[in-house]
């Protein structure tokens, strides 16, 4: 997936933290970053049966595509002011967590029900050049059998494995995206539930920025992010 920048304070992720899992976000993949998971003319129902995501709102993008593969989520206590709302005023802890969100009422004057940070695994098929493919299936393996085993399939190049191992990257998905960096994922008047159904983030606090927008992605290795005024700095 592409490289994205966001402002995050001391965000060092720990796998296996509070296991809230907002499964709707598995389909929040920007059109330009999608991997094909179907075929031309596939219906939404057929795509869903394959365990894939379907979104035909962008005409020149892949409509049936591979979802995110979640490993764990983290309700990071750092940077409370950067929390993105995930509920409504007065929401209970039970209702918040059932939505797959984080709840922390210990700090006043900040959002108590907020979006978690998600660790995902990306299996990038396009990053492997044909000559460097490592075989991932027996002779005669079908495309569906290949992909069901977490492998890539491409029969367009002769003399190399068609079913091959992908490049595996760990990435982090989160919704604390600066308003000016948001990529619109909805339409005028879209509400929170409709936005979540598309696998995207929702934040209506800024009237001049998209309220429904794609999650932000960064390398899943431990990073520390610092904010200084309007500038952004990243340290590995």
C-alpha atoms as a PDB file:
ATOM      1  CA  UNK A   1       0.000   0.000   0.000  1.00  0.00           C
ATOM      2  CA  UNK A   2       1.040   3.588  -0.394  1.00  0.00           C
ATOM      3  CA  UNK A   3       2.977   5.680   2.085  1.00  0.00           C
ATOM      4  CA  UNK A   4       0.943   8.070   4.204  1.00  0.00           C
ATOM      5  CA  UNK A   5       1.886  10.637   6.820  1.00  0.00           C
ATOM      6  CA  UNK A   6       0.024  11.453  10.006  1.00  0.00           C
ATOM      7  CA  UNK A   7       0.648  13.097  13.371  1.00  0.00           C
ATOM      8  CA  UNK A   8       0.954  10.556  16.154  1.00  0.00           C
ATOM      9  CA  UNK A   9       2.469  11.068  19.616  1.00  0.00           C
ATOM     10  CA  UNK A  10       4.754   8.341  20.993  1.00  0.00           C
ATOM     11  CA  UNK A  11       2.837   5.595  19.209  1.00  0.00           C
ATOM     12  CA  UNK A  12       4.747   2.377  19.848  1.00  0.00           C
ATOM     13  CA  UNK A  13       2.401  -0.495  19.118  1.00  0.00           C
ATOM     14  CA  UNK A  14       2.172  -3.676  21.158  1.00  0.00           C
ATOM     15  CA  UNK A  15       0.541  -6.722  19.572  1.00  0.00           C
ATOM     16  CA  UNK A  16      -2.112  -8.409  21.609  1.00  0.00           C
ATOM     17  CA  UNK A  17      -3.262  -5.321  23.516  1.00  0.00           C
ATOM     18  CA  UNK A  18      -6.965  -4.767  24.144  1.00  0.00           C
ATOM     19  CA  UNK A  19      -8.495  -6.895  21.416  1.00  0.00           C
ATOM     20  CA  UNK A  20     -11.257  -4.629  20.121  1.00  0.00           C
ATOM     21  CA  UNK A  21     -11.687  -5.421  16.441  1.00  0.00           C
ATOM     22  CA  UNK A  22     -13.715  -3.038  14.255  1.00  0.00           C
ATOM     23  CA  UNK A  23     -14.180  -5.572  11.463  1.00  0.00           C
ATOM     24  CA  UNK A  24     -15.856  -3.049   9.178  1.00  0.00           C
ATOM     25  CA  UNK A  25     -12.486  -1.387   8.600  1.00  0.00           C
ATOM     26  CA  UNK A  26     -11.201  -4.442   6.749  1.00  0.00           C
ATOM     27  CA  UNK A  27     -12.593  -2.961   3.520  1.00  0.00           C
ATOM     28  CA  UNK A  28     -11.233   0.567   4.029  1.00  0.00           C
ATOM     29  CA  UNK A  29      -8.650   0.281   1.244  1.00  0.00           C
ATOM     30  CA  UNK A  30      -8.092   3.318  -0.969  1.00  0.00           C
ATOM     31  CA  UNK A  31      -8.975   2.677  -4.642  1.00  0.00           C
ATOM     32  CA  UNK A  32      -5.401   3.194  -5.853  1.00  0.00           C
ATOM     33  CA  UNK A  33      -4.070   0.608  -3.371  1.00  0.00           C
ATOM     34  CA  UNK A  34      -6.477  -2.273  -4.015  1.00  0.00           C
ATOM     35  CA  UNK A  35      -5.459  -5.792  -5.054  1.00  0.00           C
ATOM     36  CA  UNK A  36      -7.778  -7.697  -7.417  1.00  0.00           C
ATOM     37  CA  UNK A  37      -9.854 -10.352  -5.663  1.00  0.00           C
ATOM     38  CA  UNK A  38     -12.412 -11.151  -8.347  1.00  0.00           C
ATOM     39  CA  UNK A  39     -12.896 -10.822 -12.089  1.00  0.00           C
ATOM     40  CA  UNK A  40     -14.560  -8.482 -14.575  1.00  0.00           C
ATOM     41  CA  UNK A  41     -18.306  -8.402 -14.054  1.00  0.00           C
ATOM     42  CA  UNK A  42     -18.303 -10.057 -10.634  1.00  0.00           C
ATOM     43  CA  UNK A  43     -21.333  -9.156  -8.521  1.00  0.00           C
ATOM     44  CA  UNK A  44     -21.221  -7.893  -4.961  1.00  0.00           C
ATOM     45  CA  UNK A  45     -22.753 -11.166  -3.753  1.00  0.00           C
ATOM     46  CA  UNK A  46     -20.187 -13.316  -5.588  1.00  0.00           C
ATOM     47  CA  UNK A  47     -17.373 -11.100  -4.314  1.00  0.00           C
ATOM     48  CA  UNK A  48     -18.589 -11.419  -0.721  1.00  0.00           C
ATOM     49  CA  UNK A  49     -18.778 -15.209  -0.994  1.00  0.00           C
ATOM     50  CA  UNK A  50     -15.066 -15.201  -1.872  1.00  0.00           C
ATOM     51  CA  UNK A  51     -14.334 -13.319   1.360  1.00  0.00           C
ATOM     52  CA  UNK A  52     -13.495 -10.157  -0.572  1.00  0.00           C
ATOM     53  CA  UNK A  53     -14.632  -6.534  -0.363  1.00  0.00           C
ATOM     54  CA  UNK A  54     -16.840  -4.877  -2.975  1.00  0.00           C
ATOM     55  CA  UNK A  55     -17.117  -1.153  -3.732  1.00  0.00           C
ATOM     56  CA  UNK A  56     -18.248   0.111  -7.129  1.00  0.00           C
ATOM     57  CA  UNK A  57     -18.402   3.819  -6.204  1.00  0.00           C
ATOM     58  CA  UNK A  58     -15.180   4.599  -8.126  1.00  0.00           C
ATOM     59  CA  UNK A  59     -15.554   3.687 -11.809  1.00  0.00           C
ATOM     60  CA  UNK A  60     -11.858   3.297 -12.705  1.00  0.00           C
ATOM     61  CA  UNK A  61     -10.818   1.314  -9.611  1.00  0.00           C
ATOM     62  CA  UNK A  62     -10.887  -2.380  -8.686  1.00  0.00           C
ATOM     63  CA  UNK A  63     -14.380  -3.137  -7.361  1.00  0.00           C
ATOM     64  CA  UNK A  64     -13.785  -6.569  -5.825  1.00  0.00           C
ATOM     65  CA  UNK A  65     -10.596  -6.390  -3.779  1.00  0.00           C
ATOM     66  CA  UNK A  66      -8.587  -8.043  -1.016  1.00  0.00           C
ATOM     67  CA  UNK A  67      -9.494  -6.917   2.524  1.00  0.00           C
ATOM     68  CA  UNK A  68      -7.076  -6.007   5.297  1.00  0.00           C
ATOM     69  CA  UNK A  69      -5.842  -8.952   7.364  1.00  0.00           C
ATOM     70  CA  UNK A  70      -6.123  -7.842  10.996  1.00  0.00           C
ATOM     71  CA  UNK A  71      -3.819  -9.168  13.696  1.00  0.00           C
ATOM     72  CA  UNK A  72      -4.609  -7.027  16.732  1.00  0.00           C
ATOM     73  CA  UNK A  73      -5.745  -3.616  17.841  1.00  0.00           C
ATOM     74  CA  UNK A  74      -4.297  -1.147  20.328  1.00  0.00           C
ATOM     75  CA  UNK A  75      -6.198   1.383  22.406  1.00  0.00           C
ATOM     76  CA  UNK A  76      -3.139   3.569  22.750  1.00  0.00           C
ATOM     77  CA  UNK A  77      -3.431   5.941  25.722  1.00  0.00           C
ATOM     78  CA  UNK A  78      -0.939   8.395  24.233  1.00  0.00           C
ATOM     79  CA  UNK A  79      -2.151  11.647  22.685  1.00  0.00           C
ATOM     80  CA  UNK A  80      -5.730  11.834  24.084  1.00  0.00           C
ATOM     81  CA  UNK A  81      -6.398  15.072  22.178  1.00  0.00           C
ATOM     82  CA  UNK A  82      -5.766  13.239  18.905  1.00  0.00           C
ATOM     83  CA  UNK A  83      -8.556  10.737  19.533  1.00  0.00           C
ATOM     84  CA  UNK A  84     -11.146  10.385  16.784  1.00  0.00           C
ATOM     85  CA  UNK A  85     -14.748  10.071  17.924  1.00  0.00           C
ATOM     86  CA  UNK A  86     -16.333   6.642  17.547  1.00  0.00           C
ATOM     87  CA  UNK A  87     -19.610   7.129  19.363  1.00  0.00           C
ATOM     88  CA  UNK A  88     -22.008   9.843  20.515  1.00  0.00           C
ATOM     89  CA  UNK A  89     -22.417  12.040  23.617  1.00  0.00           C
ATOM     90  CA  UNK A  90     -23.268   9.910  26.652  1.00  0.00           C
ATOM     91  CA  UNK A  91     -22.458   6.558  25.033  1.00  0.00           C
ATOM     92  CA  UNK A  92     -21.851   3.806  27.586  1.00  0.00           C
ATOM     93  CA  UNK A  93     -18.679   1.760  27.743  1.00  0.00           C
ATOM     94  CA  UNK A  94     -20.644  -1.360  26.736  1.00  0.00           C
ATOM     95  CA  UNK A  95     -22.194   0.264  23.650  1.00  0.00           C
ATOM     96  CA  UNK A  96     -18.829   1.759  22.696  1.00  0.00           C
ATOM     97  CA  UNK A  97     -16.860  -1.474  22.880  1.00  0.00           C
ATOM     98  CA  UNK A  98     -19.597  -3.420  21.084  1.00  0.00           C
ATOM     99  CA  UNK A  99     -19.031  -1.051  18.140  1.00  0.00           C
ATOM    100  CA  UNK A 100     -15.380  -2.168  18.119  1.00  0.00           C
ATOM    101  CA  UNK A 101     -14.188   1.097  19.632  1.00  0.00           C
ATOM    102  CA  UNK A 102     -12.028   2.033  22.630  1.00  0.00           C
ATOM    103  CA  UNK A 103     -13.428   3.571  25.829  1.00  0.00           C
ATOM    104  CA  UNK A 104     -11.526   5.628  28.407  1.00  0.00           C
ATOM    105  CA  UNK A 105     -13.344   8.120  30.638  1.00  0.00           C
ATOM    106  CA  UNK A 106     -10.360   8.895  32.887  1.00  0.00           C
ATOM    107  CA  UNK A 107      -9.392  12.094  31.068  1.00  0.00           C
ATOM    108  CA  UNK A 108     -11.853  15.024  30.986  1.00  0.00           C
ATOM    109  CA  UNK A 109     -12.509  17.236  27.947  1.00  0.00           C
ATOM    110  CA  UNK A 110     -11.450  14.626  25.390  1.00  0.00           C
ATOM    111  CA  UNK A 111     -13.373  11.983  23.454  1.00  0.00           C
ATOM    112  CA  UNK A 112     -14.106   8.958  25.641  1.00  0.00           C
ATOM    113  CA  UNK A 113     -15.282   6.570  22.917  1.00  0.00           C
ATOM    114  CA  UNK A 114     -12.663   6.653  20.186  1.00  0.00           C
ATOM    115  CA  UNK A 115     -11.125   4.854  17.214  1.00  0.00           C
ATOM    116  CA  UNK A 116      -8.466   2.206  17.953  1.00  0.00           C
ATOM    117  CA  UNK A 117      -5.218   1.705  16.110  1.00  0.00           C
ATOM    118  CA  UNK A 118      -5.178  -1.511  14.094  1.00  0.00           C
ATOM    119  CA  UNK A 119      -2.284  -3.718  13.109  1.00  0.00           C
ATOM    120  CA  UNK A 120      -2.765  -5.383   9.742  1.00  0.00           C
ATOM    121  CA  UNK A 121      -0.779  -7.683   7.510  1.00  0.00           C
ATOM    122  CA  UNK A 122      -0.459  -6.739   3.859  1.00  0.00           C
ATOM    123  CA  UNK A 123       0.468  -9.403   1.354  1.00  0.00           C
ATOM    124  CA  UNK A 124       1.812  -7.440  -1.598  1.00  0.00           C
ATOM    125  CA  UNK A 125       1.840  -9.446  -4.835  1.00  0.00           C
ATOM    126  CA  UNK A 126       2.982  -6.583  -7.044  1.00  0.00           C
ATOM    127  CA  UNK A 127       6.227  -6.111  -5.115  1.00  0.00           C
ATOM    128  CA  UNK A 128       7.615  -9.451  -6.326  1.00  0.00           C
ATOM    129  CA  UNK A 129       9.333  -9.404  -9.715  1.00  0.00           C
ATOM    130  CA  UNK A 130       8.681 -12.559 -11.811  1.00  0.00           C
ATOM    131  CA  UNK A 131      12.292 -13.792 -11.597  1.00  0.00           C
ATOM    132  CA  UNK A 132      12.223 -13.598  -7.790  1.00  0.00           C
ATOM    133  CA  UNK A 133       9.003 -15.531  -7.284  1.00  0.00           C
ATOM    134  CA  UNK A 134       9.074 -18.355  -4.745  1.00  0.00           C
ATOM    135  CA  UNK A 135       6.682 -21.206  -5.557  1.00  0.00           C
ATOM    136  CA  UNK A 136       3.693 -21.420  -3.231  1.00  0.00           C
ATOM    137  CA  UNK A 137       1.592 -24.263  -4.659  1.00  0.00           C
ATOM    138  CA  UNK A 138       1.639 -27.665  -6.366  1.00  0.00           C
ATOM    139  CA  UNK A 139       1.482 -28.089 -10.163  1.00  0.00           C
ATOM    140  CA  UNK A 140      -2.000 -27.377 -11.485  1.00  0.00           C
ATOM    141  CA  UNK A 141      -3.083 -25.298  -8.484  1.00  0.00           C
ATOM    142  CA  UNK A 142      -6.070 -23.101  -9.335  1.00  0.00           C
ATOM    143  CA  UNK A 143      -6.129 -19.341  -8.684  1.00  0.00           C
ATOM    144  CA  UNK A 144      -8.705 -19.769  -5.897  1.00  0.00           C
ATOM    145  CA  UNK A 145      -6.727 -22.572  -4.227  1.00  0.00           C
ATOM    146  CA  UNK A 146      -3.594 -20.453  -4.447  1.00  0.00           C
ATOM    147  CA  UNK A 147      -5.177 -17.356  -2.891  1.00  0.00           C
ATOM    148  CA  UNK A 148      -6.953 -19.386  -0.188  1.00  0.00           C
ATOM    149  CA  UNK A 149      -3.481 -20.384   1.031  1.00  0.00           C
ATOM    150  CA  UNK A 150      -2.433 -16.726   1.291  1.00  0.00           C
ATOM    151  CA  UNK A 151      -0.428 -16.805  -1.937  1.00  0.00           C
ATOM    152  CA  UNK A 152      -0.446 -14.739  -5.124  1.00  0.00           C
ATOM    153  CA  UNK A 153      -1.516 -15.974  -8.556  1.00  0.00           C
ATOM    154  CA  UNK A 154      -0.428 -14.534 -11.917  1.00  0.00           C
ATOM    155  CA  UNK A 155      -0.313 -16.645 -15.075  1.00  0.00           C
ATOM    156  CA  UNK A 156       0.728 -13.831 -17.440  1.00  0.00           C
ATOM    157  CA  UNK A 157       4.474 -14.648 -17.337  1.00  0.00           C
ATOM    158  CA  UNK A 158       5.843 -17.922 -18.719  1.00  0.00           C
ATOM    159  CA  UNK A 159       8.728 -19.829 -17.177  1.00  0.00           C
ATOM    160  CA  UNK A 160       8.127 -18.659 -13.589  1.00  0.00           C
ATOM    161  CA  UNK A 161       5.852 -19.876 -10.767  1.00  0.00           C
ATOM    162  CA  UNK A 162       2.263 -18.723 -11.250  1.00  0.00           C
ATOM    163  CA  UNK A 163       1.365 -19.344  -7.620  1.00  0.00           C
ATOM    164  CA  UNK A 164       3.983 -17.591  -5.521  1.00  0.00           C
ATOM    165  CA  UNK A 165       4.651 -16.178  -2.080  1.00  0.00           C
ATOM    166  CA  UNK A 166       3.813 -12.488  -1.527  1.00  0.00           C
ATOM    167  CA  UNK A 167       5.926  -9.880   0.161  1.00  0.00           C
ATOM    168  CA  UNK A 168       4.526  -9.648   3.691  1.00  0.00           C
ATOM    169  CA  UNK A 169       4.428  -6.245   5.360  1.00  0.00           C
ATOM    170  CA  UNK A 170       3.032  -5.302   8.746  1.00  0.00           C
ATOM    171  CA  UNK A 171       1.201  -2.012   8.745  1.00  0.00           C
ATOM    172  CA  UNK A 172      -0.860   0.075  11.111  1.00  0.00           C
ATOM    173  CA  UNK A 173      -4.311   1.443  10.333  1.00  0.00           C
ATOM    174  CA  UNK A 174      -5.728   4.359  12.309  1.00  0.00           C
ATOM    175  CA  UNK A 175      -8.175   7.224  11.914  1.00  0.00           C
ATOM    176  CA  UNK A 176      -6.303  10.137  13.532  1.00  0.00           C
ATOM    177  CA  UNK A 177      -5.750  11.769  10.139  1.00  0.00           C
ATOM    178  CA  UNK A 178      -5.139  15.515   9.929  1.00  0.00           C
ATOM    179  CA  UNK A 179      -8.129  17.160   8.182  1.00  0.00           C
ATOM    180  CA  UNK A 180      -6.030  18.464   5.265  1.00  0.00           C
ATOM    181  CA  UNK A 181      -4.660  14.961   4.585  1.00  0.00           C
ATOM    182  CA  UNK A 182      -7.997  13.138   4.500  1.00  0.00           C
ATOM    183  CA  UNK A 183      -9.051  11.274   1.354  1.00  0.00           C
ATOM    184  CA  UNK A 184     -12.820  11.360   0.913  1.00  0.00           C
ATOM    185  CA  UNK A 185     -14.593   8.002   1.205  1.00  0.00           C
ATOM    186  CA  UNK A 186     -18.225   9.049   1.168  1.00  0.00           C
ATOM    187  CA  UNK A 187     -20.747  11.490  -0.204  1.00  0.00           C
ATOM    188  CA  UNK A 188     -22.459  14.627   1.048  1.00  0.00           C
ATOM    189  CA  UNK A 189     -24.790  13.759   3.908  1.00  0.00           C
ATOM    190  CA  UNK A 190     -23.294  10.322   4.645  1.00  0.00           C
ATOM    191  CA  UNK A 191     -23.775   9.354   8.299  1.00  0.00           C
ATOM    192  CA  UNK A 192     -21.452   7.509  10.650  1.00  0.00           C
ATOM    193  CA  UNK A 193     -22.978   4.044  10.201  1.00  0.00           C
ATOM    194  CA  UNK A 194     -23.024   4.341   6.393  1.00  0.00           C
ATOM    195  CA  UNK A 195     -19.383   5.414   6.478  1.00  0.00           C
ATOM    196  CA  UNK A 196     -18.376   2.489   8.697  1.00  0.00           C
ATOM    197  CA  UNK A 197     -20.141   0.095   6.326  1.00  0.00           C
ATOM    198  CA  UNK A 198     -17.734   1.288   3.627  1.00  0.00           C
ATOM    199  CA  UNK A 199     -14.802   0.457   5.929  1.00  0.00           C
ATOM    200  CA  UNK A 200     -13.853   4.090   6.472  1.00  0.00           C
ATOM    201  CA  UNK A 201     -13.360   6.572   9.324  1.00  0.00           C
ATOM    202  CA  UNK A 202     -15.887   9.193  10.406  1.00  0.00           C
ATOM    203  CA  UNK A 203     -15.203  12.515  12.145  1.00  0.00           C
ATOM    204  CA  UNK A 204     -17.624  15.441  11.802  1.00  0.00           C
ATOM    205  CA  UNK A 205     -15.742  17.881  14.046  1.00  0.00           C
ATOM    206  CA  UNK A 206     -14.288  19.912  11.140  1.00  0.00           C
ATOM    207  CA  UNK A 207     -16.918  21.305   8.724  1.00  0.00           C
ATOM    208  CA  UNK A 208     -14.276  22.090   6.096  1.00  0.00           C
ATOM    209  CA  UNK A 209     -12.767  18.564   5.858  1.00  0.00           C
ATOM    210  CA  UNK A 210     -14.218  15.243   4.639  1.00  0.00           C
ATOM    211  CA  UNK A 211     -16.209  13.613   7.423  1.00  0.00           C
ATOM    212  CA  UNK A 212     -16.023  10.128   5.917  1.00  0.00           C
ATOM    213  CA  UNK A 213     -12.443   9.340   4.917  1.00  0.00           C
ATOM    214  CA  UNK A 214     -10.075   6.425   4.333  1.00  0.00           C
ATOM    215  CA  UNK A 215      -7.981   5.158   7.259  1.00  0.00           C
ATOM    216  CA  UNK A 216      -4.349   6.193   7.381  1.00  0.00           C
ATOM    217  CA  UNK A 217      -1.621   3.606   6.838  1.00  0.00           C
ATOM    218  CA  UNK A 218       1.963   3.471   8.069  1.00  0.00           C
ATOM    219  CA  UNK A 219       4.737   0.917   8.431  1.00  0.00           C
ATOM    220  CA  UNK A 220       3.916  -1.442  11.283  1.00  0.00           C
ATOM    221  CA  UNK A 221       7.412  -1.389  12.724  1.00  0.00           C
ATOM    222  CA  UNK A 222       7.795   0.537  15.980  1.00  0.00           C
ATOM    223  CA  UNK A 223       7.709   4.244  15.199  1.00  0.00           C
ATOM    224  CA  UNK A 224       7.646   7.334  17.324  1.00  0.00           C
ATOM    225  CA  UNK A 225       5.773  10.288  15.897  1.00  0.00           C
ATOM    226  CA  UNK A 226       6.144  13.826  17.192  1.00  0.00           C
ATOM    227  CA  UNK A 227       4.169  17.023  16.480  1.00  0.00           C
ATOM    228  CA  UNK A 228       5.793  20.435  16.667  1.00  0.00           C
ATOM    229  CA  UNK A 229       3.343  23.177  15.773  1.00  0.00           C
ATOM    230  CA  UNK A 230       2.182  22.359  12.246  1.00  0.00           C
ATOM    231  CA  UNK A 231       5.272  20.314  11.364  1.00  0.00           C
ATOM    232  CA  UNK A 232       5.559  16.531  11.392  1.00  0.00           C
ATOM    233  CA  UNK A 233       8.595  14.473  12.282  1.00  0.00           C
ATOM    234  CA  UNK A 234       9.065  10.704  12.217  1.00  0.00           C
ATOM    235  CA  UNK A 235      11.627   8.614  14.026  1.00  0.00           C
ATOM    236  CA  UNK A 236      12.203   4.921  13.483  1.00  0.00           C
END
